[in-house]
Amino acid sequence: MGQELRPGRRTLLSAAVLGAAGATTIGTAGGAQAASRAHRRGGKGLPFPAVVAHRGTSGYRPEHTFGSYRLALEMGADVIEQDLVPTKDGHLVCRHENDITATTDVADHDEFADRRTTKSVDGAELTGWFTEDFTLRELKTLRAVERIPDQRQHNTLYDGRWEVPTFEEVLRWAREKGRERGRPIWLHIETKHPTYFRGLGLALEKPLARLLRKYGRHRADSPNFVQSFEPSSIEQLSHLVACPGVVLLSDADSQPWDFVESGDPRTVADLVEPEGLAEIAGYAAGIGPTLELVIPRREDDTLDEPSSLVDDAHDAGLVVHPYTVRNENSFLPADFRRGEDPNAYGDAFGYFRKLYATGIDGLFSDNCDTALLAAEEFRG
């Protein structure tokens, strides 16, 4: 989640996406309870609002490691996210980017020194090491490290403890933990740079669909979402699996890369208009907008008033899962920062409260424990 190359109706939501036995109520900022949610899918589904552990507990452990995923589960996250990129031999592995320079110890491996190269990925020129240049066997000799060590120095304690997981390993782990706990383990699964990889002959959608089918997670009531910043990837997946798809939306003036490649002139600003949302609802169950599309920020970086996006998306029958709330001052709006240290925690609870009050169905957070505590006053 997060494009960081450098740093229709409400009943559809209820019946086809979230799933829970009985009805749940929505809290407001003042603690009042609003519309009940009936007609949800049978079984033990997601609460409202749901908390998605962004790349696991990436605020506390190096992202996309089993250390990060396990801690997310132990903390009680409702859903755990995986970003998928391919290896040279076509295996899907969990990395936020195919550039693994900052998230593994690859630079310390002399045997891979000649793999360092410069590539253009979705219009950005990057120099480093890339998953598509490694076989899975080679990639498994590397170890994960903290991506932003200057900001999260405490996470560097865990550098080197975990390898890069394959998505199939995550599916096996989720199956095992689901059996132990007597409930399904929900996943939020993102295809990264699908047009780029399709051009390399490493398309993501069919391998992902095969794995979902192998583990029985391809159905409409399966405990997972599939997501992508490229609408065409979700549209393709909608023909391969029935589980709910989510279109991720970056800044309003940006374009999905598949639109750039196909010559589609529309921007995200067009997609969040009612017409664009209605189109998305034709093949997806939800959207994952950047936080600023839900509550814009003013020029001084303080919060403005909420936009109409949540209501508009709900009118189109779409679930809304914005990204990503982090506890550190440097990631918070100016009016929620506390003190001068950009890496110290600010008033994350205050920001969560503002976001939940818009009626969002869930959100992504690097700090799922904080997000869960903040969600309690909005849950029935």
Protein backbone atom coordinates (compact mmCIF):
# COMPACT_ATOMS: atom_id res chain seq x y z
CA MET A 1 0.00 0.00 0.00
CA GLY A 2 1.14 3.48 -0.77
CA GLN A 3 2.92 4.34 -3.98
CA GLU A 4 6.32 5.14 -2.57
CA LEU A 5 8.80 4.57 -5.35
CA ARG A 6 10.32 7.49 -3.67
CA PRO A 7 9.77 8.09 -0.40
CA GLY A 8 -24.38 -0.22 -6.03
CA ARG A 9 -25.65 0.41 -2.72
CA ARG A 10 -25.03 0.12 0.99
CA THR A 11 -26.43 -3.40 0.89
CA LEU A 12 -23.66 -4.43 -1.49
CA LEU A 13 -21.19 -3.40 1.16
CA SER A 14 -23.07 -5.41 3.74
CA ALA A 15 -23.87 -8.50 1.74
CA ALA A 16 -20.84 -8.90 -0.47
CA VAL A 17 -17.90 -7.47 1.40
CA LEU A 18 -17.62 -7.14 5.15
CA GLY A 19 -19.55 -10.08 6.50
CA ALA A 20 -20.69 -10.61 10.08
CA ALA A 21 -23.43 -12.44 11.87
CA GLY A 22 -26.18 -10.10 12.91
CA ALA A 23 -26.04 -6.32 12.85
CA THR A 24 -23.45 -3.79 13.99
CA THR A 25 -23.89 -0.11 14.68
CA ILE A 26 -21.79 2.86 13.69
CA GLY A 27 -20.47 5.39 16.16
CA THR A 28 -20.11 9.10 15.50
CA ALA A 29 -17.64 11.62 16.91
CA GLY A 30 -20.07 12.38 19.70
CA GLY A 31 -20.60 8.71 20.49
CA ALA A 32 -24.12 8.58 18.98
CA GLN A 33 -25.05 5.39 17.23
CA ALA A 34 -26.22 5.45 13.65
CA ALA A 35 -27.43 3.04 10.98
CA SER A 36 -27.38 -0.66 11.75
CA ARG A 37 -25.75 -3.05 9.32
CA ALA A 38 -27.98 -5.99 8.58
CA HIS A 39 -27.87 -8.56 5.77
CA ARG A 40 -24.20 -9.18 6.30
CA ARG A 41 -22.55 -12.34 5.14
CA GLY A 42 -22.79 -15.32 7.44
CA GLY A 43 -19.88 -16.27 9.67
CA LYS A 44 -17.47 -14.29 11.76
CA GLY A 45 -16.68 -11.31 9.58
CA LEU A 46 -15.14 -7.92 10.00
CA PRO A 47 -16.14 -5.32 12.57
CA PHE A 48 -17.02 -1.79 11.57
CA PRO A 49 -14.81 0.13 11.23
CA ALA A 50 -12.10 -2.42 10.42
CA VAL A 51 -8.39 -1.96 11.04
CA VAL A 52 -5.99 -3.12 8.34
CA ALA A 53 -2.42 -3.79 9.48
CA HIS A 54 -0.37 -1.95 6.85
CA ARG A 55 2.39 -4.30 5.69
CA GLY A 56 1.85 -5.99 9.05
CA THR A 57 2.86 -4.00 12.11
CA SER A 58 5.37 -1.92 10.15
CA GLY A 59 5.46 0.66 12.93
CA TYR A 60 7.11 -1.96 15.17
CA ARG A 61 8.78 -4.56 12.95
CA PRO A 62 10.40 -4.50 9.48
CA GLU A 63 7.56 -4.53 6.98
CA HIS A 64 6.34 -7.61 5.14
CA THR A 65 8.03 -10.12 7.41
CA PHE A 66 6.47 -12.88 9.45
CA GLY A 67 7.57 -10.92 12.50
CA SER A 68 5.40 -8.04 11.30
CA TYR A 69 2.45 -10.24 10.33
CA ARG A 70 2.50 -12.28 13.55
CA LEU A 71 2.56 -9.21 15.76
CA ALA A 72 -0.36 -7.74 13.80
CA LEU A 73 -2.37 -10.88 14.49
CA GLU A 74 -1.40 -10.85 18.16
CA MET A 75 -2.40 -7.19 18.48
CA GLY A 76 -5.82 -8.02 17.09
CA ALA A 77 -5.69 -6.47 13.62
CA ASP A 78 -8.83 -7.25 11.65
CA VAL A 79 -7.02 -7.59 8.31
CA ILE A 80 -3.32 -7.97 7.41
CA GLU A 81 -1.93 -6.51 4.18
CA GLN A 82 0.48 -8.06 1.67
CA ASP A 83 2.05 -6.33 -1.34
CA LEU A 84 3.01 -8.76 -4.10
CA VAL A 85 5.88 -8.65 -6.59
CA PRO A 86 7.32 -11.52 -8.66
CA THR A 87 10.70 -13.22 -8.72
CA LYS A 88 12.56 -14.02 -11.92
CA ASP A 89 11.11 -17.53 -11.86
CA GLY A 90 7.53 -16.33 -11.31
CA HIS A 91 6.98 -16.76 -7.58
CA LEU A 92 4.96 -14.09 -5.78
CA VAL A 93 6.77 -12.63 -2.78
CA CYS A 94 5.76 -10.03 -0.22
CA ARG A 95 7.61 -6.75 -0.70
CA HIS A 96 6.23 -3.23 -0.89
CA GLU A 97 8.33 -2.66 -4.01
CA ASN A 98 10.30 -4.75 -6.45
CA ASP A 99 13.26 -2.51 -5.52
CA ILE A 100 14.59 -4.36 -2.47
CA THR A 101 17.57 -2.09 -1.83
CA ALA A 102 16.09 -0.50 1.30
CA THR A 103 14.16 -3.49 2.66
CA THR A 104 16.77 -6.27 2.53
CA ASP A 105 20.48 -6.74 3.15
CA VAL A 106 21.13 -7.37 -0.55
CA ALA A 107 23.83 -4.66 -0.68
CA ASP A 108 25.89 -6.75 1.76
CA HIS A 109 25.91 -9.77 -0.57
CA ASP A 110 28.98 -9.56 -2.79
CA GLU A 111 27.66 -12.38 -4.94
CA PHE A 112 24.83 -10.10 -6.09
CA ALA A 113 26.85 -6.92 -6.64
CA ASP A 114 26.51 -7.23 -10.41
CA ARG A 115 22.70 -7.31 -10.14
CA ARG A 116 22.61 -3.63 -9.16
CA THR A 117 21.05 -1.74 -12.03
CA THR A 118 18.92 1.24 -13.04
CA LYS A 119 15.34 0.75 -14.22
CA SER A 120 12.31 2.86 -15.02
CA VAL A 121 9.34 1.66 -12.98
CA ASP A 122 6.05 3.44 -13.62
CA GLY A 123 7.93 6.48 -14.91
CA ALA A 124 10.38 6.70 -12.00
CA GLU A 125 14.07 5.98 -12.52
CA LEU A 126 15.39 3.74 -9.76
CA THR A 127 18.84 2.32 -9.08
CA GLY A 128 19.19 -0.75 -6.93
CA TRP A 129 18.34 -4.45 -6.81
CA PHE A 130 15.00 -5.78 -8.07
CA THR A 131 13.07 -8.95 -7.29
CA GLU A 132 12.54 -9.78 -10.96
CA ASP A 133 16.29 -10.28 -11.33
CA PHE A 134 16.45 -12.96 -8.61
CA THR A 135 15.17 -16.52 -8.44
CA LEU A 136 13.24 -17.41 -5.33
CA ARG A 137 16.14 -19.53 -4.12
CA GLU A 138 18.47 -16.54 -4.40
CA LEU A 139 16.00 -14.18 -2.76
CA LYS A 140 15.68 -16.55 0.19
CA THR A 141 19.37 -16.01 1.01
CA LEU A 142 18.58 -12.37 1.86
CA ARG A 143 17.20 -11.01 5.13
CA ALA A 144 14.73 -8.19 5.69
CA VAL A 145 15.73 -4.87 7.25
CA GLU A 146 13.89 -1.74 8.38
CA ARG A 147 13.00 0.49 5.40
CA ILE A 148 13.14 3.85 7.22
CA PRO A 149 15.76 3.34 9.96
CA ASP A 150 16.25 7.05 10.66
CA GLN A 151 12.61 7.39 11.64
CA ARG A 152 12.15 3.97 13.20
CA GLN A 153 15.50 3.23 14.78
CA HIS A 154 13.89 0.81 17.24
CA ASN A 155 12.85 -1.39 14.32
CA THR A 156 16.48 -1.89 13.32
CA LEU A 157 16.82 -4.17 16.35
CA TYR A 158 15.08 -6.79 14.20
CA ASP A 159 17.20 -6.37 11.06
CA GLY A 160 18.22 -9.74 9.67
CA ARG A 161 15.82 -11.85 11.74
CA TRP A 162 13.41 -12.73 8.96
CA GLU A 163 13.62 -13.70 5.32
CA VAL A 164 11.41 -12.46 2.49
CA PRO A 165 8.15 -14.45 2.65
CA THR A 166 6.39 -15.87 -0.36
CA PHE A 167 2.69 -15.22 -0.65
CA GLU A 168 2.04 -18.96 -0.56
CA GLU A 169 3.84 -19.12 2.79
CA VAL A 170 1.52 -16.39 4.05
CA LEU A 171 -1.51 -18.33 2.84
CA ARG A 172 -0.31 -21.45 4.66
CA TRP A 173 0.34 -19.41 7.80
CA ALA A 174 -3.11 -17.81 7.61
CA ARG A 175 -4.72 -21.23 7.19
CA GLU A 176 -2.85 -22.61 10.21
CA LYS A 177 -3.62 -19.61 12.40
CA GLY A 178 -7.25 -19.66 11.29
CA ARG A 179 -7.57 -23.27 12.40
CA GLU A 180 -5.90 -22.50 15.74
CA ARG A 181 -8.16 -19.53 16.42
CA GLY A 182 -11.34 -20.97 14.98
CA ARG A 183 -11.89 -18.03 12.66
CA PRO A 184 -10.61 -16.89 9.27
CA ILE A 185 -7.55 -14.64 9.03
CA TRP A 186 -8.41 -11.74 6.74
CA LEU A 187 -5.88 -10.53 4.18
CA HIS A 188 -5.66 -7.41 1.98
CA ILE A 189 -3.59 -8.38 -1.09
CA GLU A 190 -2.10 -5.81 -3.48
CA THR A 191 -0.75 -6.31 -6.98
CA LYS A 192 2.22 -3.95 -7.35
CA HIS A 193 3.09 -2.37 -10.72
CA PRO A 194 1.00 -4.87 -12.71
CA THR A 195 1.44 -3.15 -16.09
CA TYR A 196 5.22 -3.00 -15.60
CA PHE A 197 5.42 -6.69 -14.74
CA ARG A 198 3.07 -7.67 -17.54
CA GLY A 199 5.56 -6.06 -19.91
CA LEU A 200 8.29 -8.33 -18.52
CA GLY A 201 6.20 -11.46 -19.01
CA LEU A 202 5.61 -11.70 -15.25
CA ALA A 203 1.92 -10.81 -15.04
CA LEU A 204 0.60 -10.98 -11.49
CA GLU A 205 -3.11 -11.64 -11.86
CA LYS A 206 -3.20 -15.28 -13.00
CA PRO A 207 -0.55 -16.50 -10.51
CA LEU A 208 -2.41 -14.69 -7.74
CA ALA A 209 -5.74 -16.18 -8.81
CA ARG A 210 -4.20 -19.68 -8.91
CA LEU A 211 -2.95 -19.35 -5.35
CA LEU A 212 -6.26 -17.99 -4.11
CA ARG A 213 -8.06 -20.90 -5.72
CA LYS A 214 -5.56 -23.41 -4.32
CA TYR A 215 -6.26 -22.20 -0.79
CA GLY A 216 -10.00 -21.70 -1.25
CA ARG A 217 -9.81 -17.91 -1.03
CA HIS A 218 -11.27 -17.10 -4.44
CA ARG A 219 -14.95 -16.95 -3.51
CA ALA A 220 -17.17 -13.94 -2.89
CA ASP A 221 -17.27 -14.79 0.82
CA SER A 222 -13.54 -15.48 1.14
CA PRO A 223 -11.74 -13.59 3.93
CA ASN A 224 -9.65 -11.37 1.71
CA PHE A 225 -9.62 -8.35 -0.55
CA VAL A 226 -7.52 -7.90 -3.67
CA GLN A 227 -6.35 -4.37 -4.35
CA SER A 228 -4.30 -2.36 -6.82
CA PHE A 229 -3.47 1.19 -7.85
CA GLU A 230 -4.22 0.09 -11.43
CA PRO A 231 -7.95 -0.34 -12.06
CA SER A 232 -7.33 -2.70 -14.97
CA SER A 233 -5.62 -5.18 -12.62
CA ILE A 234 -8.70 -5.33 -10.41
CA GLU A 235 -10.93 -5.59 -13.46
CA GLN A 236 -8.86 -8.55 -14.70
CA LEU A 237 -8.98 -10.19 -11.29
CA SER A 238 -12.77 -9.79 -11.22
CA HIS A 239 -12.91 -12.27 -14.11
CA LEU A 240 -10.58 -14.73 -12.37
CA VAL A 241 -11.81 -14.72 -8.75
CA ALA A 242 -14.98 -13.63 -6.98
CA CYS A 243 -13.42 -12.15 -3.83
CA PRO A 244 -13.93 -8.39 -3.41
CA GLY A 245 -11.62 -6.03 -5.26
CA VAL A 246 -10.49 -2.59 -4.11
CA VAL A 247 -9.16 0.17 -6.38
CA LEU A 248 -6.46 2.19 -4.62
CA LEU A 249 -6.42 5.92 -5.30
CA SER A 250 -3.41 8.19 -4.93
CA ASP A 251 -3.29 12.02 -5.06
CA ALA A 252 -6.12 13.73 -6.93
CA ASP A 253 -3.88 15.03 -9.73
CA SER A 254 -2.12 11.69 -10.27
CA GLN A 255 -2.94 9.07 -12.90
CA PRO A 256 -3.03 5.30 -12.48
CA TRP A 257 -0.07 3.96 -14.44
CA ASP A 258 -2.25 1.75 -16.61
CA PHE A 259 -4.09 4.92 -17.66
CA VAL A 260 -0.77 6.52 -18.59
CA GLU A 261 0.21 3.49 -20.65
CA SER A 262 -3.15 3.24 -22.40
CA GLY A 263 -3.51 6.97 -23.06
CA ASP A 264 -6.53 7.39 -20.80
CA PRO A 265 -6.43 11.10 -19.84
CA ARG A 266 -8.39 10.74 -16.60
CA THR A 267 -6.86 11.43 -13.22
CA VAL A 268 -7.79 10.26 -9.75
CA ALA A 269 -9.85 13.45 -9.46
CA ASP A 270 -12.05 12.08 -12.25
CA LEU A 271 -12.32 8.65 -10.63
CA VAL A 272 -13.62 10.07 -7.33
CA GLU A 273 -16.47 11.87 -9.08
CA PRO A 274 -19.81 10.00 -8.94
CA GLU A 275 -19.43 8.87 -12.56
CA GLY A 276 -15.97 7.46 -11.90
CA LEU A 277 -17.09 5.73 -8.72
CA ALA A 278 -20.05 4.17 -10.55
CA GLU A 279 -17.64 2.77 -13.13
CA ILE A 280 -15.40 1.30 -10.42
CA ALA A 281 -18.46 -0.27 -8.79
CA GLY A 282 -18.98 -2.25 -11.99
CA TYR A 283 -16.00 -4.49 -11.24
CA ALA A 284 -14.86 -3.69 -7.67
CA ALA A 285 -16.35 -3.70 -4.18
CA GLY A 286 -14.43 -0.77 -2.80
CA ILE A 287 -11.86 1.99 -2.99
CA GLY A 288 -8.72 2.65 -0.99
CA PRO A 289 -8.16 6.40 -1.20
CA THR A 290 -5.24 8.30 0.22
CA LEU A 291 -6.23 10.02 3.47
CA GLU A 292 -6.16 13.46 1.89
CA LEU A 293 -8.98 12.48 -0.47
CA VAL A 294 -11.17 11.83 2.60
CA ILE A 295 -10.12 14.87 4.62
CA PRO A 296 -8.00 17.32 2.61
CA ARG A 297 -5.22 19.36 4.20
CA ARG A 298 -4.89 23.12 3.95
CA GLU A 299 -1.78 24.86 2.68
CA ASP A 300 -0.41 24.98 6.23
CA ASP A 301 -0.85 21.17 6.43
CA THR A 302 -3.70 21.34 8.95
CA LEU A 303 -6.91 19.38 8.40
CA ASP A 304 -9.65 20.95 6.30
CA GLU A 305 -13.27 19.81 6.23
CA PRO A 306 -14.08 16.28 5.01
CA SER A 307 -14.83 15.84 1.34
CA SER A 308 -17.96 14.14 0.03
CA LEU A 309 -15.97 11.07 -1.06
CA VAL A 310 -17.13 8.69 1.66
CA ASP A 311 -20.81 9.46 1.06
CA ASP A 312 -20.36 9.39 -2.71
CA ALA A 313 -18.58 6.04 -2.58
CA HIS A 314 -21.23 4.57 -0.29
CA ASP A 315 -23.93 5.82 -2.66
CA ALA A 316 -22.17 3.84 -5.38
CA GLY A 317 -22.13 0.74 -3.14
CA LEU A 318 -18.40 0.87 -2.45
CA VAL A 319 -16.56 0.13 0.77
CA VAL A 320 -13.98 2.80 1.74
CA HIS A 321 -10.60 1.79 3.21
CA PRO A 322 -8.26 4.82 3.19
CA TYR A 323 -4.51 4.68 3.81
CA THR A 324 -2.25 5.16 5.85
CA VAL A 325 -2.29 6.49 9.44
CA ARG A 326 1.04 6.45 11.30
CA ASN A 327 1.69 7.63 14.84
CA GLU A 328 4.79 9.74 14.18
CA ASN A 329 4.58 13.53 13.93
CA SER A 330 6.12 13.57 10.46
CA PHE A 331 3.15 11.64 9.08
CA LEU A 332 0.37 13.51 10.91
CA PRO A 333 -1.44 16.72 9.93
CA ALA A 334 0.19 19.78 11.51
CA ASP A 335 -2.60 20.29 14.06
CA PHE A 336 -2.03 16.80 15.46
CA ARG A 337 1.75 17.02 15.88
CA ARG A 338 3.16 17.30 19.37
CA GLY A 339 6.61 18.71 20.13
CA GLU A 340 9.50 19.32 17.75
CA ASP A 341 10.76 15.78 17.19
CA PRO A 342 9.42 14.56 13.82
CA ASN A 343 9.88 10.94 14.90
CA ALA A 344 8.03 11.29 18.22
CA TYR A 345 4.39 10.29 18.48
CA GLY A 346 1.79 12.99 17.97
CA ASP A 347 -1.94 13.00 18.67
CA ALA A 348 -2.69 9.99 16.51
CA PHE A 349 -5.88 9.29 18.46
CA GLY A 350 -7.23 12.70 17.52
CA TYR A 351 -6.55 12.07 13.84
CA PHE A 352 -8.09 8.60 13.95
CA ARG A 353 -11.20 10.09 15.54
CA LYS A 354 -11.60 12.62 12.74
CA LEU A 355 -11.21 9.92 10.10
CA TYR A 356 -13.56 7.39 11.69
CA ALA A 357 -16.20 10.10 12.11
CA THR A 358 -16.46 10.44 8.32
CA GLY A 359 -18.08 6.99 8.17
CA ILE A 360 -15.17 5.14 6.55
CA ASP A 361 -15.49 1.37 6.67
CA GLY A 362 -11.93 0.83 7.86
CA LEU A 363 -8.42 2.13 7.36
CA PHE A 364 -4.81 1.10 7.03
CA SER A 365 -2.37 1.83 9.82
CA ASP A 366 1.27 1.04 10.62
CA ASN A 367 0.19 1.02 14.28
CA CYS A 368 -2.82 -1.28 14.43
CA ASP A 369 -2.91 -1.26 18.24
CA THR A 370 -3.47 2.51 18.24
CA ALA A 371 -6.01 2.21 15.42
CA LEU A 372 -7.94 -0.48 17.29
CA LEU A 373 -8.11 1.53 20.50
CA ALA A 374 -9.36 4.55 18.57
CA ALA A 375 -11.95 2.41 16.77
CA GLU A 376 -13.56 1.20 20.00
CA GLU A 377 -15.76 4.27 20.46
CA PHE A 378 -17.09 3.86 16.90
CA ARG A 379 -17.99 0.19 17.24
CA GLY A 380 -21.33 -1.02 18.45
